[in-house]
Amino acid sequence: LIIGAPTIAGLIAITLAPISGWVIDRKGDKFVLSISLLIMGISLIFLNYWITPLSFYILFGIARLLFVAPIMNSGTTVVSRWFIRRRGRANGISILITSIGMGLIPVYSQFLIDTVGWREAWLWLGVTVWIIGAIPSLLFIISKPENFNINPDPINTTNEQYNDIETSGSWTLKESLSSPILWILCTNMLLLSFVHTSVNFHISALLVANGLQPMTAAFAITVLALGTGLGGLLWGIISEKMKSNIRGSLTAVFTGTGALIFLFADNTAMAFSAALIFGFGLGGTWTIALITLPNYFGRVAIGSIRGIGDLFMNAGMALGGLSSSIIYDLTQSYDLVFPLLTIIAVISAISLLFTKEPKK
């Protein structure tokens, strides 16, 4: 029941992502983010009253659908519209804060369950979304600096040899769709999201099967989240000095290496090392969508372009856990699953290395 709802929502998000990106470009990040968070809060509040599996699927699915499509897209697109030269570190900070939030939510949810029960916990989660999400978005977000007749931070010409930031101008959605580079980047977003979803889905069971205690496996997941946040921040800063193709290739290498180490992690040190390496790479893979796409295709239609990228990313997330589970069920072992994930990451690393800035 619980796994089915986000899976179905992820599949629906594949079709919703391009639409939400189109709306973001026309109505603005503030409008889309505020409305989405408002509806998400309503869905969570009504989960307090669900009595049938169908009602749970509908309400939880709506909340999950909004999170993976319009909320994630609009929340990160606004950062890319405001920053050019410092886009890397700005998005890195965004990734770090997102990772911290994802780490705190389970603790907060458990506190609510212990305090008021699981039903009322849904209600307070919905209220929390309104307080820290919807209301601040409505009051404080400005979709782009041009709305106030100011410019985003300018390109630092001394770094032009390292940076490919918007040197070719902004692309329309139609122009970007005709570029092979967009499809290569989107395919890599699918491959890497496939890898990280598969690892996240099986990491706990794998470590326990390797002989580690369940609590150690749980702490490894915490280390992975920490590595993701720090990786996002560091790769964001690095992106301001390193070309996008090299950065993307290196993040894929870290991701694949971490996945392979997990297979042999039979002690705490190896498990935590694998989690840190994989998380560091995972934080970097997010920069493909958050930094590389706006760097290559500009800010004008970045919502729509990100929507296309999110379509591929959501497809990888939906297929990753399912496909790896099927392989495990057929072989009753992870000996094939994790090497295959490493091979996929290596393929991604090679293709990203030869990805160059598109030209109109």
Protein backbone atom coordinates (compact mmCIF):
# COMPACT_ATOMS: atom_id res chain seq x y z
CA LEU A 1 0.00 0.00 0.00
CA ILE A 2 2.68 2.51 1.03
CA ILE A 3 5.10 1.67 -1.82
CA GLY A 4 2.35 1.62 -4.45
CA ALA A 5 1.24 5.22 -3.92
CA PRO A 6 4.60 6.92 -4.61
CA THR A 7 5.29 4.52 -7.48
CA ILE A 8 2.04 5.40 -9.23
CA ALA A 9 2.60 9.09 -8.50
CA GLY A 10 6.08 8.83 -10.02
CA LEU A 11 4.69 7.29 -13.19
CA ILE A 12 2.07 10.04 -13.48
CA ALA A 13 4.78 12.65 -12.86
CA ILE A 14 6.49 11.50 -16.06
CA THR A 15 3.69 13.15 -18.05
CA LEU A 16 3.07 16.04 -15.65
CA ALA A 17 6.69 17.26 -15.49
CA PRO A 18 6.79 18.90 -18.97
CA ILE A 19 3.39 20.51 -18.36
CA SER A 20 4.45 21.94 -15.00
CA GLY A 21 7.62 23.33 -16.58
CA TRP A 22 5.57 25.05 -19.28
CA VAL A 23 3.29 26.61 -16.64
CA ILE A 24 6.30 27.78 -14.61
CA ASP A 25 7.69 29.70 -17.60
CA ARG A 26 4.34 31.40 -18.23
CA LYS A 27 2.89 31.94 -14.76
CA GLY A 28 6.09 32.20 -12.74
CA ASP A 29 7.77 30.10 -10.07
CA LYS A 30 5.97 31.94 -7.26
CA PHE A 31 2.50 31.10 -8.57
CA VAL A 32 3.25 27.43 -9.25
CA LEU A 33 5.15 26.85 -6.00
CA SER A 34 2.59 28.58 -3.78
CA ILE A 35 -0.42 26.82 -5.32
CA SER A 36 1.33 23.44 -5.30
CA LEU A 37 2.31 23.74 -1.63
CA LEU A 38 -1.20 24.86 -0.73
CA ILE A 39 -2.75 21.81 -2.42
CA MET A 40 -0.07 19.53 -0.96
CA GLY A 41 -0.95 20.77 2.53
CA ILE A 42 -4.64 20.10 1.90
CA SER A 43 -3.88 16.55 0.73
CA LEU A 44 -1.80 15.82 3.83
CA ILE A 45 -4.46 17.24 6.13
CA PHE A 46 -7.16 15.08 4.54
CA LEU A 47 -4.95 12.00 5.04
CA ASN A 48 -6.00 12.42 8.67
CA TYR A 49 -9.41 11.11 7.60
CA TRP A 50 -8.58 8.38 5.04
CA ILE A 51 -10.47 5.13 5.60
CA THR A 52 -9.94 3.13 2.39
CA PRO A 53 -6.83 2.18 0.40
CA LEU A 54 -8.21 4.12 -2.58
CA SER A 55 -8.50 7.34 -0.58
CA PHE A 56 -4.93 6.86 0.68
CA TYR A 57 -3.64 6.33 -2.86
CA ILE A 58 -5.40 9.47 -4.10
CA LEU A 59 -4.38 11.80 -1.27
CA PHE A 60 -0.81 10.54 -0.78
CA GLY A 61 -0.38 10.28 -4.55
CA ILE A 62 -1.39 13.93 -5.02
CA ALA A 63 1.12 15.06 -2.40
CA ARG A 64 3.91 12.96 -3.88
CA LEU A 65 3.04 14.01 -7.43
CA LEU A 66 3.21 17.69 -6.54
CA PHE A 67 6.56 17.22 -4.81
CA VAL A 68 8.37 15.42 -7.64
CA ALA A 69 7.05 17.65 -10.45
CA PRO A 70 5.98 21.29 -9.90
CA ILE A 71 7.43 21.85 -6.41
CA MET A 72 10.93 20.56 -7.15
CA ASN A 73 11.01 22.24 -10.57
CA SER A 74 9.75 25.66 -9.49
CA GLY A 75 11.76 25.69 -6.26
CA THR A 76 15.03 25.16 -8.09
CA THR A 77 14.23 27.09 -11.27
CA VAL A 78 13.84 30.32 -9.32
CA VAL A 79 17.42 29.91 -8.06
CA SER A 80 18.73 29.47 -11.60
CA ARG A 81 16.87 32.60 -12.74
CA TRP A 82 18.44 34.73 -10.01
CA PHE A 83 22.02 33.53 -10.31
CA ILE A 84 24.42 33.14 -13.23
CA ARG A 85 28.02 33.53 -12.04
CA ARG A 86 27.22 32.18 -8.57
CA ARG A 87 24.65 29.68 -9.80
CA GLY A 88 26.78 26.75 -8.71
CA ARG A 89 27.10 27.68 -5.06
CA ALA A 90 23.50 28.94 -4.88
CA ASN A 91 22.18 25.59 -6.11
CA GLY A 92 24.71 23.80 -3.91
CA ILE A 93 23.25 25.52 -0.86
CA SER A 94 19.78 24.58 -2.11
CA ILE A 95 20.80 20.90 -2.38
CA LEU A 96 22.34 20.98 1.10
CA ILE A 97 19.22 22.46 2.69
CA THR A 98 17.01 20.00 0.80
CA SER A 99 19.08 17.10 2.13
CA ILE A 100 18.87 18.45 5.67
CA GLY A 101 15.10 18.75 5.33
CA MET A 102 14.80 15.21 4.00
CA GLY A 103 16.81 14.00 6.98
CA LEU A 104 14.73 15.92 9.53
CA ILE A 105 11.26 15.06 8.20
CA PRO A 106 11.33 11.41 9.35
CA VAL A 107 12.37 12.51 12.85
CA TYR A 108 9.68 15.20 12.95
CA SER A 109 7.08 12.76 11.64
CA GLN A 110 7.98 10.17 14.27
CA PHE A 111 7.75 12.86 16.97
CA LEU A 112 4.25 13.76 15.80
CA ILE A 113 3.21 10.09 15.70
CA ASP A 114 4.48 9.52 19.23
CA THR A 115 2.80 12.69 20.46
CA VAL A 116 -0.61 12.82 18.75
CA GLY A 117 -0.89 9.51 16.86
CA TRP A 118 -0.36 8.69 13.20
CA ARG A 119 -3.69 10.07 11.98
CA GLU A 120 -3.36 13.52 13.52
CA ALA A 121 0.30 13.54 12.50
CA TRP A 122 -0.86 13.87 8.88
CA LEU A 123 -2.86 16.96 9.83
CA TRP A 124 0.12 18.67 11.45
CA LEU A 125 2.39 17.75 8.55
CA GLY A 126 -0.05 19.52 6.24
CA VAL A 127 -0.12 22.59 8.49
CA THR A 128 3.68 22.56 8.59
CA VAL A 129 3.82 22.58 4.78
CA TRP A 130 1.65 25.71 4.81
CA ILE A 131 3.67 27.46 7.53
CA ILE A 132 7.20 26.83 6.24
CA GLY A 133 6.37 26.40 2.55
CA ALA A 134 3.23 27.91 1.07
CA ILE A 135 3.02 31.15 3.08
CA PRO A 136 6.71 32.16 2.74
CA SER A 137 6.60 31.32 -0.98
CA LEU A 138 3.57 33.54 -1.46
CA LEU A 139 5.03 36.42 0.55
CA PHE A 140 8.72 36.44 -0.30
CA ILE A 141 9.51 34.69 -3.59
CA ILE A 142 10.22 36.84 -6.64
CA SER A 143 10.30 34.70 -9.77
CA LYS A 144 13.09 36.60 -11.49
CA PRO A 145 15.15 39.75 -10.83
CA GLU A 146 13.85 41.46 -13.96
CA ASN A 147 10.47 41.79 -12.22
CA PHE A 148 12.12 44.44 -10.01
CA ASN A 149 14.24 45.94 -12.79
CA ILE A 150 17.46 44.42 -11.47
CA ASN A 151 19.89 42.01 -13.08
CA PRO A 152 21.10 38.61 -11.90
CA ASP A 153 24.70 38.46 -10.77
CA PRO A 154 26.81 39.08 -13.88
CA ILE A 155 29.20 36.73 -15.60
CA ASN A 156 32.75 36.97 -14.26
CA THR A 157 34.73 37.40 -17.43
CA THR A 158 37.96 36.26 -15.75
CA ASN A 159 36.49 32.77 -15.48
CA GLU A 160 35.28 32.47 -19.07
CA GLN A 161 37.92 29.85 -19.88
CA TYR A 162 36.47 27.60 -17.16
CA ASN A 163 32.81 28.44 -17.35
CA ASP A 164 30.25 27.88 -20.07
CA ILE A 165 27.64 30.06 -18.39
CA GLU A 166 25.07 31.30 -20.89
CA THR A 167 27.68 32.27 -23.44
CA SER A 168 25.38 31.24 -26.28
CA GLY A 169 22.35 33.12 -24.97
CA SER A 170 19.01 31.76 -23.88
CA TRP A 171 17.31 29.06 -25.91
CA THR A 172 13.59 28.58 -26.47
CA LEU A 173 12.06 25.20 -25.71
CA LYS A 174 11.75 24.48 -29.44
CA GLU A 175 15.40 25.30 -30.04
CA SER A 176 16.57 23.18 -27.12
CA LEU A 177 14.48 20.19 -28.26
CA SER A 178 16.38 20.24 -31.56
CA SER A 179 19.73 19.99 -29.78
CA PRO A 180 21.20 16.48 -29.35
CA ILE A 181 22.96 17.72 -26.22
CA LEU A 182 19.65 18.11 -24.38
CA TRP A 183 18.69 14.51 -25.11
CA ILE A 184 22.12 13.25 -24.03
CA LEU A 185 21.82 15.13 -20.73
CA CYS A 186 18.26 13.91 -20.21
CA THR A 187 19.28 10.31 -20.91
CA ASN A 188 22.03 10.62 -18.32
CA MET A 189 19.54 12.03 -15.82
CA LEU A 190 17.47 8.89 -16.41
CA LEU A 191 20.46 6.57 -16.01
CA LEU A 192 21.78 8.19 -12.84
CA SER A 193 18.34 8.46 -11.22
CA PHE A 194 17.88 4.76 -12.07
CA VAL A 195 21.13 3.99 -10.23
CA HIS A 196 20.50 6.06 -7.12
CA THR A 197 16.88 4.90 -6.75
CA SER A 198 17.98 1.26 -7.04
CA VAL A 199 20.70 1.73 -4.43
CA ASN A 200 18.43 3.65 -2.06
CA PHE A 201 15.78 0.96 -2.39
CA HIS A 202 18.12 -1.95 -1.56
CA ILE A 203 20.92 -0.51 0.57
CA SER A 204 19.47 -1.52 3.93
CA ALA A 205 18.64 -5.08 2.88
CA LEU A 206 22.05 -5.50 1.22
CA LEU A 207 24.01 -4.37 4.28
CA VAL A 208 21.99 -6.64 6.57
CA ALA A 209 22.55 -9.52 4.14
CA ASN A 210 26.28 -8.74 4.33
CA GLY A 211 26.14 -9.37 8.07
CA LEU A 212 25.71 -5.87 9.48
CA GLN A 213 23.20 -4.97 12.16
CA PRO A 214 19.97 -3.22 11.08
CA MET A 215 20.93 -0.16 13.15
CA THR A 216 24.25 0.07 11.33
CA ALA A 217 22.40 -0.09 8.01
CA ALA A 218 20.11 2.71 9.20
CA PHE A 219 23.09 4.88 10.16
CA ALA A 220 24.62 4.21 6.73
CA ILE A 221 21.53 5.76 5.16
CA THR A 222 22.05 8.80 7.40
CA VAL A 223 25.68 9.03 6.25
CA LEU A 224 24.46 8.80 2.64
CA ALA A 225 22.10 11.73 3.20
CA LEU A 226 24.94 13.71 4.78
CA GLY A 227 27.19 12.93 1.83
CA THR A 228 24.46 14.01 -0.59
CA GLY A 229 24.09 17.39 1.09
CA LEU A 230 27.81 18.05 1.32
CA GLY A 231 28.32 16.73 -2.20
CA GLY A 232 25.68 19.04 -3.59
CA LEU A 233 27.29 22.04 -1.90
CA LEU A 234 30.87 21.17 -2.89
CA TRP A 235 30.02 20.20 -6.48
CA GLY A 236 28.02 23.41 -6.77
CA ILE A 237 31.06 25.47 -5.79
CA ILE A 238 33.34 23.35 -7.99
CA SER A 239 31.01 23.91 -10.95
CA GLU A 240 32.00 27.57 -11.02
CA LYS A 241 35.59 26.56 -11.86
CA MET A 242 35.08 23.33 -13.79
CA LYS A 243 33.46 22.61 -17.13
CA SER A 244 30.08 20.92 -16.94
CA ASN A 245 31.08 17.81 -18.89
CA ILE A 246 34.04 17.05 -16.61
CA ARG A 247 31.99 17.70 -13.47
CA GLY A 248 29.13 15.51 -14.65
CA SER A 249 31.48 12.67 -15.57
CA LEU A 250 33.22 12.77 -12.18
CA THR A 251 29.93 12.70 -10.26
CA ALA A 252 28.89 9.60 -12.21
CA VAL A 253 32.22 7.95 -11.34
CA PHE A 254 31.69 8.60 -7.63
CA THR A 255 28.14 7.25 -7.87
CA GLY A 256 29.20 4.05 -9.60
CA THR A 257 32.16 3.53 -7.26
CA GLY A 258 29.98 3.90 -4.18
CA ALA A 259 27.43 1.46 -5.56
CA LEU A 260 30.10 -1.19 -6.14
CA ILE A 261 31.67 -0.76 -2.68
CA PHE A 262 28.26 -1.39 -1.11
CA LEU A 263 28.31 -4.92 -2.54
CA PHE A 264 31.43 -5.79 -0.51
CA ALA A 265 30.62 -3.73 2.59
CA ASP A 266 30.70 -6.30 5.41
CA ASN A 267 31.85 -3.96 8.17
CA THR A 268 30.85 -0.55 9.48
CA ALA A 269 33.83 1.32 8.01
CA MET A 270 33.20 0.02 4.49
CA ALA A 271 29.46 0.64 4.74
CA PHE A 272 29.93 4.24 5.85
CA SER A 273 32.66 4.82 3.25
CA ALA A 274 30.42 3.50 0.49
CA ALA A 275 27.54 5.64 1.73
CA LEU A 276 29.70 8.77 1.85
CA ILE A 277 31.17 8.20 -1.63
CA PHE A 278 27.80 7.35 -3.16
CA GLY A 279 26.12 10.30 -1.45
CA PHE A 280 28.88 12.65 -2.60
CA GLY A 281 28.34 11.50 -6.17
CA LEU A 282 24.56 11.65 -5.86
CA GLY A 283 24.70 15.26 -4.67
CA GLY A 284 26.75 16.04 -7.76
CA THR A 285 24.37 14.35 -10.19
CA TRP A 286 21.67 16.82 -9.15
CA THR A 287 23.81 19.59 -10.61
CA ILE A 288 23.11 18.26 -14.13
CA ALA A 289 19.51 19.45 -13.87
CA LEU A 290 20.10 22.44 -11.59
CA ILE A 291 23.26 23.91 -13.13
CA THR A 292 24.18 22.33 -16.47
CA LEU A 293 20.79 22.80 -18.14
CA PRO A 294 20.50 26.55 -17.34
CA ASN A 295 24.21 27.04 -18.10
CA TYR A 296 23.79 25.47 -21.53
CA PHE A 297 20.31 26.71 -22.48
CA GLY A 298 19.86 29.96 -20.52
CA ARG A 299 17.10 31.21 -18.23
CA VAL A 300 14.21 32.19 -20.51
CA ALA A 301 12.63 28.74 -20.97
CA ILE A 302 14.46 26.90 -18.21
CA GLY A 303 11.20 25.80 -16.53
CA SER A 304 10.04 24.00 -19.66
CA ILE A 305 13.50 22.59 -20.35
CA ARG A 306 13.79 21.38 -16.76
CA GLY A 307 10.35 19.82 -17.19
CA ILE A 308 11.70 17.67 -20.03
CA GLY A 309 14.66 16.69 -17.87
CA ASP A 310 12.37 15.86 -14.95
CA LEU A 311 10.38 13.58 -17.25
CA PHE A 312 13.48 11.44 -17.80
CA MET A 313 14.55 11.68 -14.17
CA ASN A 314 11.15 10.55 -12.89
CA ALA A 315 11.18 7.69 -15.40
CA GLY A 316 14.53 6.54 -14.01
CA MET A 317 13.23 6.79 -10.46
CA ALA A 318 10.11 4.81 -11.30
CA LEU A 319 12.02 2.09 -13.16
CA GLY A 320 15.07 1.81 -10.90
CA GLY A 321 13.63 0.20 -7.80
CA LEU A 322 11.30 -2.04 -9.79
CA SER A 323 13.92 -3.34 -12.24
CA SER A 324 16.54 -4.02 -9.60
CA SER A 325 13.94 -5.80 -7.48
CA ILE A 326 13.01 -8.06 -10.39
CA ILE A 327 16.68 -8.97 -10.94
CA TYR A 328 17.08 -9.73 -7.24
CA ASP A 329 13.93 -11.87 -7.17
CA LEU A 330 15.17 -13.87 -10.16
CA THR A 331 18.69 -14.40 -8.82
CA GLN A 332 18.09 -14.19 -5.04
CA SER A 333 21.32 -12.22 -4.84
CA TYR A 334 22.69 -8.70 -5.19
CA ASP A 335 25.81 -10.00 -6.99
CA LEU A 336 24.34 -9.00 -10.34
CA VAL A 337 22.31 -5.94 -9.32
CA PHE A 338 25.06 -3.66 -8.00
CA PRO A 339 27.70 -4.42 -10.68
CA LEU A 340 25.06 -3.62 -13.30
CA LEU A 341 24.37 -0.31 -11.56
CA THR A 342 28.09 0.45 -11.62
CA ILE A 343 28.25 -0.34 -15.35
CA ILE A 344 25.33 2.03 -15.97
CA ALA A 345 27.14 4.77 -14.03
CA VAL A 346 30.33 4.19 -16.05
CA ILE A 347 28.39 4.46 -19.32
CA SER A 348 26.93 7.73 -18.05
CA ALA A 349 30.37 9.02 -17.05
CA ILE A 350 31.80 8.33 -20.51
CA SER A 351 28.90 9.93 -22.37
CA LEU A 352 28.90 13.01 -20.12
CA LEU A 353 32.64 13.47 -20.62
CA PHE A 354 32.11 13.97 -24.36
CA THR A 355 29.13 16.30 -23.93
CA LYS A 356 29.97 19.78 -25.18
CA GLU A 357 28.17 23.09 -24.88
CA PRO A 358 25.45 23.28 -27.57
CA LYS A 359 25.59 25.85 -30.33
CA LYS A 360 22.57 27.41 -32.01
